[in-house]
mmCIF file of all heavy atoms, coordinates in Angstrom:
data_MODEL
# 
_entry.id   MODEL 
# 
loop_
_atom_site.group_PDB 
_atom_site.id 
_atom_site.type_symbol 
_atom_site.label_atom_id 
_atom_site.label_alt_id 
_atom_site.label_comp_id 
_atom_site.label_asym_id 
_atom_site.label_entity_id 
_atom_site.label_seq_id 
_atom_site.pdbx_PDB_ins_code 
_atom_site.Cartn_x 
_atom_site.Cartn_y 
_atom_site.Cartn_z 
_atom_site.occupancy 
_atom_site.B_iso_or_equiv 
_atom_site.pdbx_formal_charge 
_atom_site.auth_seq_id 
_atom_site.auth_comp_id 
_atom_site.auth_asym_id 
_atom_site.auth_atom_id 
_atom_site.pdbx_PDB_model_num 
ATOM 1   N N   . GLY A 1 1  ? 0.783  -1.230  0.000  1.00 0.00 ? 1  GLY A N   1 
ATOM 2   C CA  . GLY A 1 1  ? 0.000  0.000   0.000  1.00 0.00 ? 1  GLY A CA  1 
ATOM 3   C C   . GLY A 1 1  ? 0.815  1.279   0.000  1.00 0.00 ? 1  GLY A C   1 
ATOM 4   O O   . GLY A 1 1  ? 0.241  2.369   0.088  1.00 0.00 ? 1  GLY A O   1 
ATOM 5   N N   . PHE A 1 2  ? 2.132  1.168   -0.095 1.00 0.00 ? 2  PHE A N   1 
ATOM 6   C CA  . PHE A 1 2  ? 3.008  2.329   -0.153 1.00 0.00 ? 2  PHE A CA  1 
ATOM 7   C C   . PHE A 1 2  ? 4.313  1.914   -0.818 1.00 0.00 ? 2  PHE A C   1 
ATOM 8   O O   . PHE A 1 2  ? 4.557  0.720   -1.047 1.00 0.00 ? 2  PHE A O   1 
ATOM 9   C CB  . PHE A 1 2  ? 3.252  2.906   1.243  1.00 0.00 ? 2  PHE A CB  1 
ATOM 10  C CG  . PHE A 1 2  ? 3.978  1.990   2.182  1.00 0.00 ? 2  PHE A CG  1 
ATOM 11  C CD1 . PHE A 1 2  ? 5.330  2.159   2.453  1.00 0.00 ? 2  PHE A CD1 1 
ATOM 12  C CD2 . PHE A 1 2  ? 3.321  0.930   2.793  1.00 0.00 ? 2  PHE A CD2 1 
ATOM 13  C CE1 . PHE A 1 2  ? 6.004  1.309   3.317  1.00 0.00 ? 2  PHE A CE1 1 
ATOM 14  C CE2 . PHE A 1 2  ? 3.982  0.069   3.649  1.00 0.00 ? 2  PHE A CE2 1 
ATOM 15  C CZ  . PHE A 1 2  ? 5.326  0.259   3.917  1.00 0.00 ? 2  PHE A CZ  1 
ATOM 16  N N   . THR A 1 3  ? 5.152  2.906   -1.129 1.00 0.00 ? 3  THR A N   1 
ATOM 17  C CA  . THR A 1 3  ? 6.436  2.626   -1.774 1.00 0.00 ? 3  THR A CA  1 
ATOM 18  C C   . THR A 1 3  ? 7.429  2.202   -0.701 1.00 0.00 ? 3  THR A C   1 
ATOM 19  O O   . THR A 1 3  ? 8.130  3.031   -0.109 1.00 0.00 ? 3  THR A O   1 
ATOM 20  C CB  . THR A 1 3  ? 6.938  3.863   -2.538 1.00 0.00 ? 3  THR A CB  1 
ATOM 21  O OG1 . THR A 1 3  ? 5.919  4.303   -3.442 1.00 0.00 ? 3  THR A OG1 1 
ATOM 22  C CG2 . THR A 1 3  ? 8.196  3.519   -3.330 1.00 0.00 ? 3  THR A CG2 1 
ATOM 23  N N   . PHE A 1 4  ? 7.498  0.905   -0.485 1.00 0.00 ? 4  PHE A N   1 
ATOM 24  C CA  . PHE A 1 4  ? 8.228  0.338   0.644  1.00 0.00 ? 4  PHE A CA  1 
ATOM 25  C C   . PHE A 1 4  ? 9.680  0.821   0.697  1.00 0.00 ? 4  PHE A C   1 
ATOM 26  O O   . PHE A 1 4  ? 10.186 1.179   1.750  1.00 0.00 ? 4  PHE A O   1 
ATOM 27  C CB  . PHE A 1 4  ? 8.178  -1.185  0.550  1.00 0.00 ? 4  PHE A CB  1 
ATOM 28  C CG  . PHE A 1 4  ? 8.916  -1.904  1.647  1.00 0.00 ? 4  PHE A CG  1 
ATOM 29  C CD1 . PHE A 1 4  ? 8.363  -2.044  2.908  1.00 0.00 ? 4  PHE A CD1 1 
ATOM 30  C CD2 . PHE A 1 4  ? 10.178 -2.445  1.406  1.00 0.00 ? 4  PHE A CD2 1 
ATOM 31  C CE1 . PHE A 1 4  ? 9.036  -2.716  3.918  1.00 0.00 ? 4  PHE A CE1 1 
ATOM 32  C CE2 . PHE A 1 4  ? 10.860 -3.123  2.408  1.00 0.00 ? 4  PHE A CE2 1 
ATOM 33  C CZ  . PHE A 1 4  ? 10.284 -3.256  3.668  1.00 0.00 ? 4  PHE A CZ  1 
ATOM 34  N N   . SER A 1 5  ? 10.346 0.834   -0.431 1.00 0.00 ? 5  SER A N   1 
ATOM 35  C CA  . SER A 1 5  ? 11.789 1.122   -0.451 1.00 0.00 ? 5  SER A CA  1 
ATOM 36  C C   . SER A 1 5  ? 12.113 2.553   -0.017 1.00 0.00 ? 5  SER A C   1 
ATOM 37  O O   . SER A 1 5  ? 13.264 2.856   0.310  1.00 0.00 ? 5  SER A O   1 
ATOM 38  C CB  . SER A 1 5  ? 12.351 0.871   -1.836 1.00 0.00 ? 5  SER A CB  1 
ATOM 39  O OG  . SER A 1 5  ? 11.707 1.693   -2.791 1.00 0.00 ? 5  SER A OG  1 
ATOM 40  N N   . SER A 1 6  ? 11.124 3.420   0.021  1.00 0.00 ? 6  SER A N   1 
ATOM 41  C CA  . SER A 1 6  ? 11.364 4.842   0.306  1.00 0.00 ? 6  SER A CA  1 
ATOM 42  C C   . SER A 1 6  ? 11.274 5.198   1.780  1.00 0.00 ? 6  SER A C   1 
ATOM 43  O O   . SER A 1 6  ? 11.571 6.347   2.146  1.00 0.00 ? 6  SER A O   1 
ATOM 44  C CB  . SER A 1 6  ? 10.353 5.709   -0.463 1.00 0.00 ? 6  SER A CB  1 
ATOM 45  O OG  . SER A 1 6  ? 10.517 5.557   -1.854 1.00 0.00 ? 6  SER A OG  1 
ATOM 46  N N   . TYR A 1 7  ? 10.874 4.243   2.626  1.00 0.00 ? 7  TYR A N   1 
ATOM 47  C CA  . TYR A 1 7  ? 10.568 4.584   4.015  1.00 0.00 ? 7  TYR A CA  1 
ATOM 48  C C   . TYR A 1 7  ? 11.304 3.722   5.026  1.00 0.00 ? 7  TYR A C   1 
ATOM 49  O O   . TYR A 1 7  ? 11.545 2.534   4.794  1.00 0.00 ? 7  TYR A O   1 
ATOM 50  C CB  . TYR A 1 7  ? 9.062  4.458   4.264  1.00 0.00 ? 7  TYR A CB  1 
ATOM 51  C CG  . TYR A 1 7  ? 8.275  5.477   3.497  1.00 0.00 ? 7  TYR A CG  1 
ATOM 52  C CD1 . TYR A 1 7  ? 7.739  5.154   2.259  1.00 0.00 ? 7  TYR A CD1 1 
ATOM 53  C CD2 . TYR A 1 7  ? 8.097  6.762   3.991  1.00 0.00 ? 7  TYR A CD2 1 
ATOM 54  C CE1 . TYR A 1 7  ? 7.041  6.099   1.526  1.00 0.00 ? 7  TYR A CE1 1 
ATOM 55  C CE2 . TYR A 1 7  ? 7.401  7.709   3.267  1.00 0.00 ? 7  TYR A CE2 1 
ATOM 56  C CZ  . TYR A 1 7  ? 6.878  7.371   2.033  1.00 0.00 ? 7  TYR A CZ  1 
ATOM 57  O OH  . TYR A 1 7  ? 6.184  8.308   1.317  1.00 0.00 ? 7  TYR A OH  1 
ATOM 58  N N   . ALA A 1 8  ? 11.621 4.354   6.162  1.00 0.00 ? 8  ALA A N   1 
ATOM 59  C CA  . ALA A 1 8  ? 12.144 3.611   7.293  1.00 0.00 ? 8  ALA A CA  1 
ATOM 60  C C   . ALA A 1 8  ? 11.053 2.709   7.862  1.00 0.00 ? 8  ALA A C   1 
ATOM 61  O O   . ALA A 1 8  ? 9.868  3.050   7.822  1.00 0.00 ? 8  ALA A O   1 
ATOM 62  C CB  . ALA A 1 8  ? 12.647 4.561   8.368  1.00 0.00 ? 8  ALA A CB  1 
ATOM 63  N N   . MET A 1 9  ? 11.483 1.571   8.384  1.00 0.00 ? 9  MET A N   1 
ATOM 64  C CA  . MET A 1 9  ? 10.579 0.624   9.028  1.00 0.00 ? 9  MET A CA  1 
ATOM 65  C C   . MET A 1 9  ? 11.134 0.311   10.411 1.00 0.00 ? 9  MET A C   1 
ATOM 66  O O   . MET A 1 9  ? 12.347 0.285   10.616 1.00 0.00 ? 9  MET A O   1 
ATOM 67  C CB  . MET A 1 9  ? 10.467 -0.660  8.218  1.00 0.00 ? 9  MET A CB  1 
ATOM 68  C CG  . MET A 1 9  ? 9.870  -0.492  6.830  1.00 0.00 ? 9  MET A CG  1 
ATOM 69  S SD  . MET A 1 9  ? 8.150  0.017   6.858  1.00 0.00 ? 9  MET A SD  1 
ATOM 70  C CE  . MET A 1 9  ? 7.369  -1.366  7.694  1.00 0.00 ? 9  MET A CE  1 
ATOM 71  N N   . SER A 1 10 ? 10.232 0.035   11.330 1.00 0.00 ? 10 SER A N   1 
ATOM 72  C CA  . SER A 1 10 ? 10.650 -0.238  12.712 1.00 0.00 ? 10 SER A CA  1 
ATOM 73  C C   . SER A 1 10 ? 9.920  -1.452  13.277 1.00 0.00 ? 10 SER A C   1 
ATOM 74  O O   . SER A 1 10 ? 8.860  -1.833  12.797 1.00 0.00 ? 10 SER A O   1 
ATOM 75  C CB  . SER A 1 10 ? 10.360 0.971   13.608 1.00 0.00 ? 10 SER A CB  1 
ATOM 76  O OG  . SER A 1 10 ? 11.087 2.107   13.212 1.00 0.00 ? 10 SER A OG  1 
ATOM 77  N N   . TRP A 1 11 ? 10.531 -2.000  14.311 1.00 0.00 ? 11 TRP A N   1 
ATOM 78  C CA  . TRP A 1 11 ? 9.888  -3.014  15.148 1.00 0.00 ? 11 TRP A CA  1 
ATOM 79  C C   . TRP A 1 11 ? 9.762  -2.431  16.561 1.00 0.00 ? 11 TRP A C   1 
ATOM 80  O O   . TRP A 1 11 ? 10.726 -1.865  17.089 1.00 0.00 ? 11 TRP A O   1 
ATOM 81  C CB  . TRP A 1 11 ? 10.706 -4.293  15.212 1.00 0.00 ? 11 TRP A CB  1 
ATOM 82  C CG  . TRP A 1 11 ? 10.671 -5.105  13.963 1.00 0.00 ? 11 TRP A CG  1 
ATOM 83  C CD1 . TRP A 1 11 ? 11.582 -5.098  12.939 1.00 0.00 ? 11 TRP A CD1 1 
ATOM 84  C CD2 . TRP A 1 11 ? 9.680  -6.067  13.606 1.00 0.00 ? 11 TRP A CD2 1 
ATOM 85  N NE1 . TRP A 1 11 ? 11.206 -5.987  11.975 1.00 0.00 ? 11 TRP A NE1 1 
ATOM 86  C CE2 . TRP A 1 11 ? 10.045 -6.598  12.343 1.00 0.00 ? 11 TRP A CE2 1 
ATOM 87  C CE3 . TRP A 1 11 ? 8.518  -6.539  14.220 1.00 0.00 ? 11 TRP A CE3 1 
ATOM 88  C CZ2 . TRP A 1 11 ? 9.284  -7.579  11.696 1.00 0.00 ? 11 TRP A CZ2 1 
ATOM 89  C CZ3 . TRP A 1 11 ? 7.764  -7.502  13.572 1.00 0.00 ? 11 TRP A CZ3 1 
ATOM 90  C CH2 . TRP A 1 11 ? 8.143  -8.009  12.330 1.00 0.00 ? 11 TRP A CH2 1 
ATOM 91  N N   . TYR A 1 12 ? 8.577  -2.578  17.128 1.00 0.00 ? 12 TYR A N   1 
ATOM 92  C CA  . TYR A 1 12 ? 8.307  -2.228  18.512 1.00 0.00 ? 12 TYR A CA  1 
ATOM 93  C C   . TYR A 1 12 ? 7.870  -3.505  19.230 1.00 0.00 ? 12 TYR A C   1 
ATOM 94  O O   . TYR A 1 12 ? 7.513  -4.495  18.587 1.00 0.00 ? 12 TYR A O   1 
ATOM 95  C CB  . TYR A 1 12 ? 7.169  -1.206  18.605 1.00 0.00 ? 12 TYR A CB  1 
ATOM 96  C CG  . TYR A 1 12 ? 7.541  0.206   18.284 1.00 0.00 ? 12 TYR A CG  1 
ATOM 97  C CD1 . TYR A 1 12 ? 7.802  0.603   16.974 1.00 0.00 ? 12 TYR A CD1 1 
ATOM 98  C CD2 . TYR A 1 12 ? 7.618  1.172   19.279 1.00 0.00 ? 12 TYR A CD2 1 
ATOM 99  C CE1 . TYR A 1 12 ? 8.138  1.918   16.672 1.00 0.00 ? 12 TYR A CE1 1 
ATOM 100 C CE2 . TYR A 1 12 ? 7.940  2.490   19.004 1.00 0.00 ? 12 TYR A CE2 1 
ATOM 101 C CZ  . TYR A 1 12 ? 8.194  2.853   17.699 1.00 0.00 ? 12 TYR A CZ  1 
ATOM 102 O OH  . TYR A 1 12 ? 8.521  4.157   17.418 1.00 0.00 ? 12 TYR A OH  1 
ATOM 103 N N   . ARG A 1 13 ? 7.875  -3.449  20.553 1.00 0.00 ? 13 ARG A N   1 
ATOM 104 C CA  . ARG A 1 13 ? 7.343  -4.566  21.330 1.00 0.00 ? 13 ARG A CA  1 
ATOM 105 C C   . ARG A 1 13 ? 6.645  -4.040  22.582 1.00 0.00 ? 13 ARG A C   1 
ATOM 106 O O   . ARG A 1 13 ? 6.964  -2.957  23.071 1.00 0.00 ? 13 ARG A O   1 
ATOM 107 C CB  . ARG A 1 13 ? 8.433  -5.555  21.716 1.00 0.00 ? 13 ARG A CB  1 
ATOM 108 C CG  . ARG A 1 13 ? 9.454  -5.029  22.716 1.00 0.00 ? 13 ARG A CG  1 
ATOM 109 C CD  . ARG A 1 13 ? 10.553 -6.068  22.945 1.00 0.00 ? 13 ARG A CD  1 
ATOM 110 N NE  . ARG A 1 13 ? 11.545 -5.596  23.914 1.00 0.00 ? 13 ARG A NE  1 
ATOM 111 C CZ  . ARG A 1 13 ? 12.655 -6.261  24.209 1.00 0.00 ? 13 ARG A CZ  1 
ATOM 112 N NH1 . ARG A 1 13 ? 12.922 -7.422  23.608 1.00 0.00 ? 13 ARG A NH1 1 
ATOM 113 N NH2 . ARG A 1 13 ? 13.494 -5.781  25.120 1.00 0.00 ? 13 ARG A NH2 1 
ATOM 114 N N   . GLN A 1 14 ? 5.714  -4.851  23.058 1.00 0.00 ? 14 GLN A N   1 
ATOM 115 C CA  . GLN A 1 14 ? 5.014  -4.531  24.295 1.00 0.00 ? 14 GLN A CA  1 
ATOM 116 C C   . GLN A 1 14 ? 4.927  -5.781  25.138 1.00 0.00 ? 14 GLN A C   1 
ATOM 117 O O   . GLN A 1 14 ? 4.224  -6.740  24.776 1.00 0.00 ? 14 GLN A O   1 
ATOM 118 C CB  . GLN A 1 14 ? 3.621  -3.960  24.026 1.00 0.00 ? 14 GLN A CB  1 
ATOM 119 C CG  . GLN A 1 14 ? 2.931  -3.462  25.266 1.00 0.00 ? 14 GLN A CG  1 
ATOM 120 C CD  . GLN A 1 14 ? 1.733  -2.588  24.960 1.00 0.00 ? 14 GLN A CD  1 
ATOM 121 O OE1 . GLN A 1 14 ? 1.231  -2.554  23.834 1.00 0.00 ? 14 GLN A OE1 1 
ATOM 122 N NE2 . GLN A 1 14 ? 1.275  -1.839  25.958 1.00 0.00 ? 14 GLN A NE2 1 
ATOM 123 N N   . GLY A 1 15 ? 5.669  -5.778  26.250 1.00 0.00 ? 15 GLY A N   1 
ATOM 124 C CA  . GLY A 1 15 ? 5.662  -6.901  27.159 1.00 0.00 ? 15 GLY A CA  1 
ATOM 125 C C   . GLY A 1 15 ? 4.513  -6.817  28.134 1.00 0.00 ? 15 GLY A C   1 
ATOM 126 O O   . GLY A 1 15 ? 3.866  -5.768  28.256 1.00 0.00 ? 15 GLY A O   1 
ATOM 127 N N   . PRO A 1 16 ? 4.260  -7.901  28.870 1.00 0.00 ? 16 PRO A N   1 
ATOM 128 C CA  . PRO A 1 16 ? 3.160  -7.914  29.845 1.00 0.00 ? 16 PRO A CA  1 
ATOM 129 C C   . PRO A 1 16 ? 3.322  -6.801  30.884 1.00 0.00 ? 16 PRO A C   1 
ATOM 130 O O   . PRO A 1 16 ? 4.362  -6.720  31.542 1.00 0.00 ? 16 PRO A O   1 
ATOM 131 C CB  . PRO A 1 16 ? 3.286  -9.293  30.490 1.00 0.00 ? 16 PRO A CB  1 
ATOM 132 C CG  . PRO A 1 16 ? 4.102  -10.102 29.561 1.00 0.00 ? 16 PRO A CG  1 
ATOM 133 C CD  . PRO A 1 16 ? 4.988  -9.162  28.815 1.00 0.00 ? 16 PRO A CD  1 
ATOM 134 N N   . GLY A 1 17 ? 2.331  -5.946  31.010 1.00 0.00 ? 17 GLY A N   1 
ATOM 135 C CA  . GLY A 1 17 ? 2.360  -4.869  31.980 1.00 0.00 ? 17 GLY A CA  1 
ATOM 136 C C   . GLY A 1 17 ? 3.332  -3.751  31.672 1.00 0.00 ? 17 GLY A C   1 
ATOM 137 O O   . GLY A 1 17 ? 3.635  -2.929  32.536 1.00 0.00 ? 17 GLY A O   1 
ATOM 138 N N   . LYS A 1 18 ? 3.846  -3.741  30.446 1.00 0.00 ? 18 LYS A N   1 
ATOM 139 C CA  . LYS A 1 18 ? 4.837  -2.717  30.072 1.00 0.00 ? 18 LYS A CA  1 
ATOM 140 C C   . LYS A 1 18 ? 4.306  -1.834  28.954 1.00 0.00 ? 18 LYS A C   1 
ATOM 141 O O   . LYS A 1 18 ? 3.361  -2.193  28.252 1.00 0.00 ? 18 LYS A O   1 
ATOM 142 C CB  . LYS A 1 18 ? 6.136  -3.390  29.611 1.00 0.00 ? 18 LYS A CB  1 
ATOM 143 C CG  . LYS A 1 18 ? 6.805  -4.241  30.670 1.00 0.00 ? 18 LYS A CG  1 
ATOM 144 C CD  . LYS A 1 18 ? 8.080  -4.872  30.113 1.00 0.00 ? 18 LYS A CD  1 
ATOM 145 C CE  . LYS A 1 18 ? 8.761  -5.747  31.140 1.00 0.00 ? 18 LYS A CE  1 
ATOM 146 N NZ  . LYS A 1 18 ? 9.985  -6.386  30.593 1.00 0.00 ? 18 LYS A NZ  1 
ATOM 147 N N   . GLU A 1 19 ? 4.946  -0.679  28.783 1.00 0.00 ? 19 GLU A N   1 
ATOM 148 C CA  . GLU A 1 19 ? 4.604  0.188   27.668 1.00 0.00 ? 19 GLU A CA  1 
ATOM 149 C C   . GLU A 1 19 ? 5.272  -0.312  26.388 1.00 0.00 ? 19 GLU A C   1 
ATOM 150 O O   . GLU A 1 19 ? 6.280  -1.018  26.431 1.00 0.00 ? 19 GLU A O   1 
ATOM 151 C CB  . GLU A 1 19 ? 5.056  1.620   27.964 1.00 0.00 ? 19 GLU A CB  1 
ATOM 152 C CG  . GLU A 1 19 ? 4.309  2.261   29.120 1.00 0.00 ? 19 GLU A CG  1 
ATOM 153 C CD  . GLU A 1 19 ? 4.649  3.726   29.268 1.00 0.00 ? 19 GLU A CD  1 
ATOM 154 O OE1 . GLU A 1 19 ? 5.538  4.215   28.556 1.00 0.00 ? 19 GLU A OE1 1 
ATOM 155 O OE2 . GLU A 1 19 ? 4.010  4.389   30.110 1.00 0.00 ? 19 GLU A OE2 1 
ATOM 156 N N   . ARG A 1 20 ? 4.684  0.066   25.263 1.00 0.00 ? 20 ARG A N   1 
ATOM 157 C CA  . ARG A 1 20 ? 5.285  -0.292  23.985 1.00 0.00 ? 20 ARG A CA  1 
ATOM 158 C C   . ARG A 1 20 ? 6.608  0.443   23.831 1.00 0.00 ? 20 ARG A C   1 
ATOM 159 O O   . ARG A 1 20 ? 6.711  1.636   24.131 1.00 0.00 ? 20 ARG A O   1 
ATOM 160 C CB  . ARG A 1 20 ? 4.333  0.067   22.838 1.00 0.00 ? 20 ARG A CB  1 
ATOM 161 C CG  . ARG A 1 20 ? 4.701  -0.550  21.514 1.00 0.00 ? 20 ARG A CG  1 
ATOM 162 C CD  . ARG A 1 20 ? 3.619  -0.337  20.473 1.00 0.00 ? 20 ARG A CD  1 
ATOM 163 N NE  . ARG A 1 20 ? 2.374  -1.015  20.846 1.00 0.00 ? 20 ARG A NE  1 
ATOM 164 C CZ  . ARG A 1 20 ? 1.351  -1.184  20.011 1.00 0.00 ? 20 ARG A CZ  1 
ATOM 165 N NH1 . ARG A 1 20 ? 1.424  -0.715  18.773 1.00 0.00 ? 20 ARG A NH1 1 
ATOM 166 N NH2 . ARG A 1 20 ? 0.258  -1.788  20.419 1.00 0.00 ? 20 ARG A NH2 1 
ATOM 167 N N   . GLU A 1 21 ? 7.631  -0.264  23.360 1.00 0.00 ? 21 GLU A N   1 
ATOM 168 C CA  . GLU A 1 21 ? 8.955  0.329   23.215 1.00 0.00 ? 21 GLU A CA  1 
ATOM 169 C C   . GLU A 1 21 ? 9.541  0.030   21.843 1.00 0.00 ? 21 GLU A C   1 
ATOM 170 O O   . GLU A 1 21 ? 9.282  -1.024  21.256 1.00 0.00 ? 21 GLU A O   1 
ATOM 171 C CB  . GLU A 1 21 ? 9.901  -0.187  24.306 1.00 0.00 ? 21 GLU A CB  1 
ATOM 172 C CG  . GLU A 1 21 ? 10.166 -1.681  24.251 1.00 0.00 ? 21 GLU A CG  1 
ATOM 173 C CD  . GLU A 1 21 ? 11.184 -2.161  25.274 1.00 0.00 ? 21 GLU A CD  1 
ATOM 174 O OE1 . GLU A 1 21 ? 11.806 -1.315  25.945 1.00 0.00 ? 21 GLU A OE1 1 
ATOM 175 O OE2 . GLU A 1 21 ? 11.366 -3.380  25.389 1.00 0.00 ? 21 GLU A OE2 1 
ATOM 176 N N   . LEU A 1 22 ? 10.375 0.953   21.380 1.00 0.00 ? 22 LEU A N   1 
ATOM 177 C CA  . LEU A 1 22 ? 11.066 0.774   20.105 1.00 0.00 ? 22 LEU A CA  1 
ATOM 178 C C   . LEU A 1 22 ? 12.179 -0.247  20.280 1.00 0.00 ? 22 LEU A C   1 
ATOM 179 O O   . LEU A 1 22 ? 12.989 -0.141  21.202 1.00 0.00 ? 22 LEU A O   1 
ATOM 180 C CB  . LEU A 1 22 ? 11.637 2.107   19.627 1.00 0.00 ? 22 LEU A CB  1 
ATOM 181 C CG  . LEU A 1 22 ? 12.458 2.080   18.357 1.00 0.00 ? 22 LEU A CG  1 
ATOM 182 C CD1 . LEU A 1 22 ? 11.628 1.634   17.165 1.00 0.00 ? 22 LEU A CD1 1 
ATOM 183 C CD2 . LEU A 1 22 ? 13.071 3.464   18.096 1.00 0.00 ? 22 LEU A CD2 1 
ATOM 184 N N   . VAL A 1 23 ? 12.232 -1.202  19.369 1.00 0.00 ? 23 VAL A N   1 
ATOM 185 C CA  . VAL A 1 23 ? 13.265 -2.241  19.402 1.00 0.00 ? 23 VAL A CA  1 
ATOM 186 C C   . VAL A 1 23 ? 14.357 -1.945  18.379 1.00 0.00 ? 23 VAL A C   1 
ATOM 187 O O   . VAL A 1 23 ? 15.547 -1.969  18.701 1.00 0.00 ? 23 VAL A O   1 
ATOM 188 C CB  . VAL A 1 23 ? 12.648 -3.620  19.113 1.00 0.00 ? 23 VAL A CB  1 
ATOM 189 C CG1 . VAL A 1 23 ? 13.726 -4.690  19.020 1.00 0.00 ? 23 VAL A CG1 1 
ATOM 190 C CG2 . VAL A 1 23 ? 11.621 -3.977  20.184 1.00 0.00 ? 23 VAL A CG2 1 
ATOM 191 N N   . ALA A 1 24 ? 13.956 -1.669  17.140 1.00 0.00 ? 24 ALA A N   1 
ATOM 192 C CA  . ALA A 1 24 ? 14.940 -1.464  16.076 1.00 0.00 ? 24 ALA A CA  1 
ATOM 193 C C   . ALA A 1 24 ? 14.280 -0.725  14.916 1.00 0.00 ? 24 ALA A C   1 
ATOM 194 O O   . ALA A 1 24 ? 13.077 -0.832  14.706 1.00 0.00 ? 24 ALA A O   1 
ATOM 195 C CB  . ALA A 1 24 ? 15.512 -2.795  15.592 1.00 0.00 ? 24 ALA A CB  1 
ATOM 196 N N   . THR A 1 25 ? 15.126 0.015   14.174 1.00 0.00 ? 25 THR A N   1 
ATOM 197 C CA  . THR A 1 25 ? 14.691 0.744   12.988 1.00 0.00 ? 25 THR A CA  1 
ATOM 198 C C   . THR A 1 25 ? 15.700 0.533   11.878 1.00 0.00 ? 25 THR A C   1 
ATOM 199 O O   . THR A 1 25 ? 16.903 0.460   12.137 1.00 0.00 ? 25 THR A O   1 
ATOM 200 C CB  . THR A 1 25 ? 14.582 2.250   13.288 1.00 0.00 ? 25 THR A CB  1 
ATOM 201 O OG1 . THR A 1 25 ? 13.561 2.461   14.273 1.00 0.00 ? 25 THR A OG1 1 
ATOM 202 C CG2 . THR A 1 25 ? 14.224 3.045   12.041 1.00 0.00 ? 25 THR A CG2 1 
ATOM 203 N N   . ILE A 1 26 ? 15.194 0.440   10.651 1.00 0.00 ? 26 ILE A N   1 
ATOM 204 C CA  . ILE A 1 26 ? 16.060 0.414   9.476  1.00 0.00 ? 26 ILE A CA  1 
ATOM 205 C C   . ILE A 1 26 ? 15.558 1.474   8.512  1.00 0.00 ? 26 ILE A C   1 
ATOM 206 O O   . ILE A 1 26 ? 14.366 1.541   8.203  1.00 0.00 ? 26 ILE A O   1 
ATOM 207 C CB  . ILE A 1 26 ? 16.125 -0.984  8.827  1.00 0.00 ? 26 ILE A CB  1 
ATOM 208 C CG1 . ILE A 1 26 ? 17.124 -1.004  7.684  1.00 0.00 ? 26 ILE A CG1 1 
ATOM 209 C CG2 . ILE A 1 26 ? 14.745 -1.474  8.373  1.00 0.00 ? 26 ILE A CG2 1 
ATOM 210 C CD1 . ILE A 1 26 ? 17.512 -2.409  7.223  1.00 0.00 ? 26 ILE A CD1 1 
ATOM 211 N N   . THR A 1 27 ? 16.470 2.325   8.048  1.00 0.00 ? 27 THR A N   1 
ATOM 212 C CA  . THR A 1 27 ? 16.079 3.410   7.155  1.00 0.00 ? 27 THR A CA  1 
ATOM 213 C C   . THR A 1 27 ? 16.011 2.932   5.708  1.00 0.00 ? 27 THR A C   1 
ATOM 214 O O   . THR A 1 27 ? 16.356 1.791   5.385  1.00 0.00 ? 27 THR A O   1 
ATOM 215 C CB  . THR A 1 27 ? 17.069 4.565   7.254  1.00 0.00 ? 27 THR A CB  1 
ATOM 216 O OG1 . THR A 1 27 ? 18.314 4.148   6.649  1.00 0.00 ? 27 THR A OG1 1 
ATOM 217 C CG2 . THR A 1 27 ? 17.318 4.979   8.698  1.00 0.00 ? 27 THR A CG2 1 
# 
């Protein structure tokens, strides 16, 4: 649905009872 190669992508995670946090990004 978008031009994938043009954008940074990230992974986040949310553990039990925790806030969502940034894990990794690739530009």
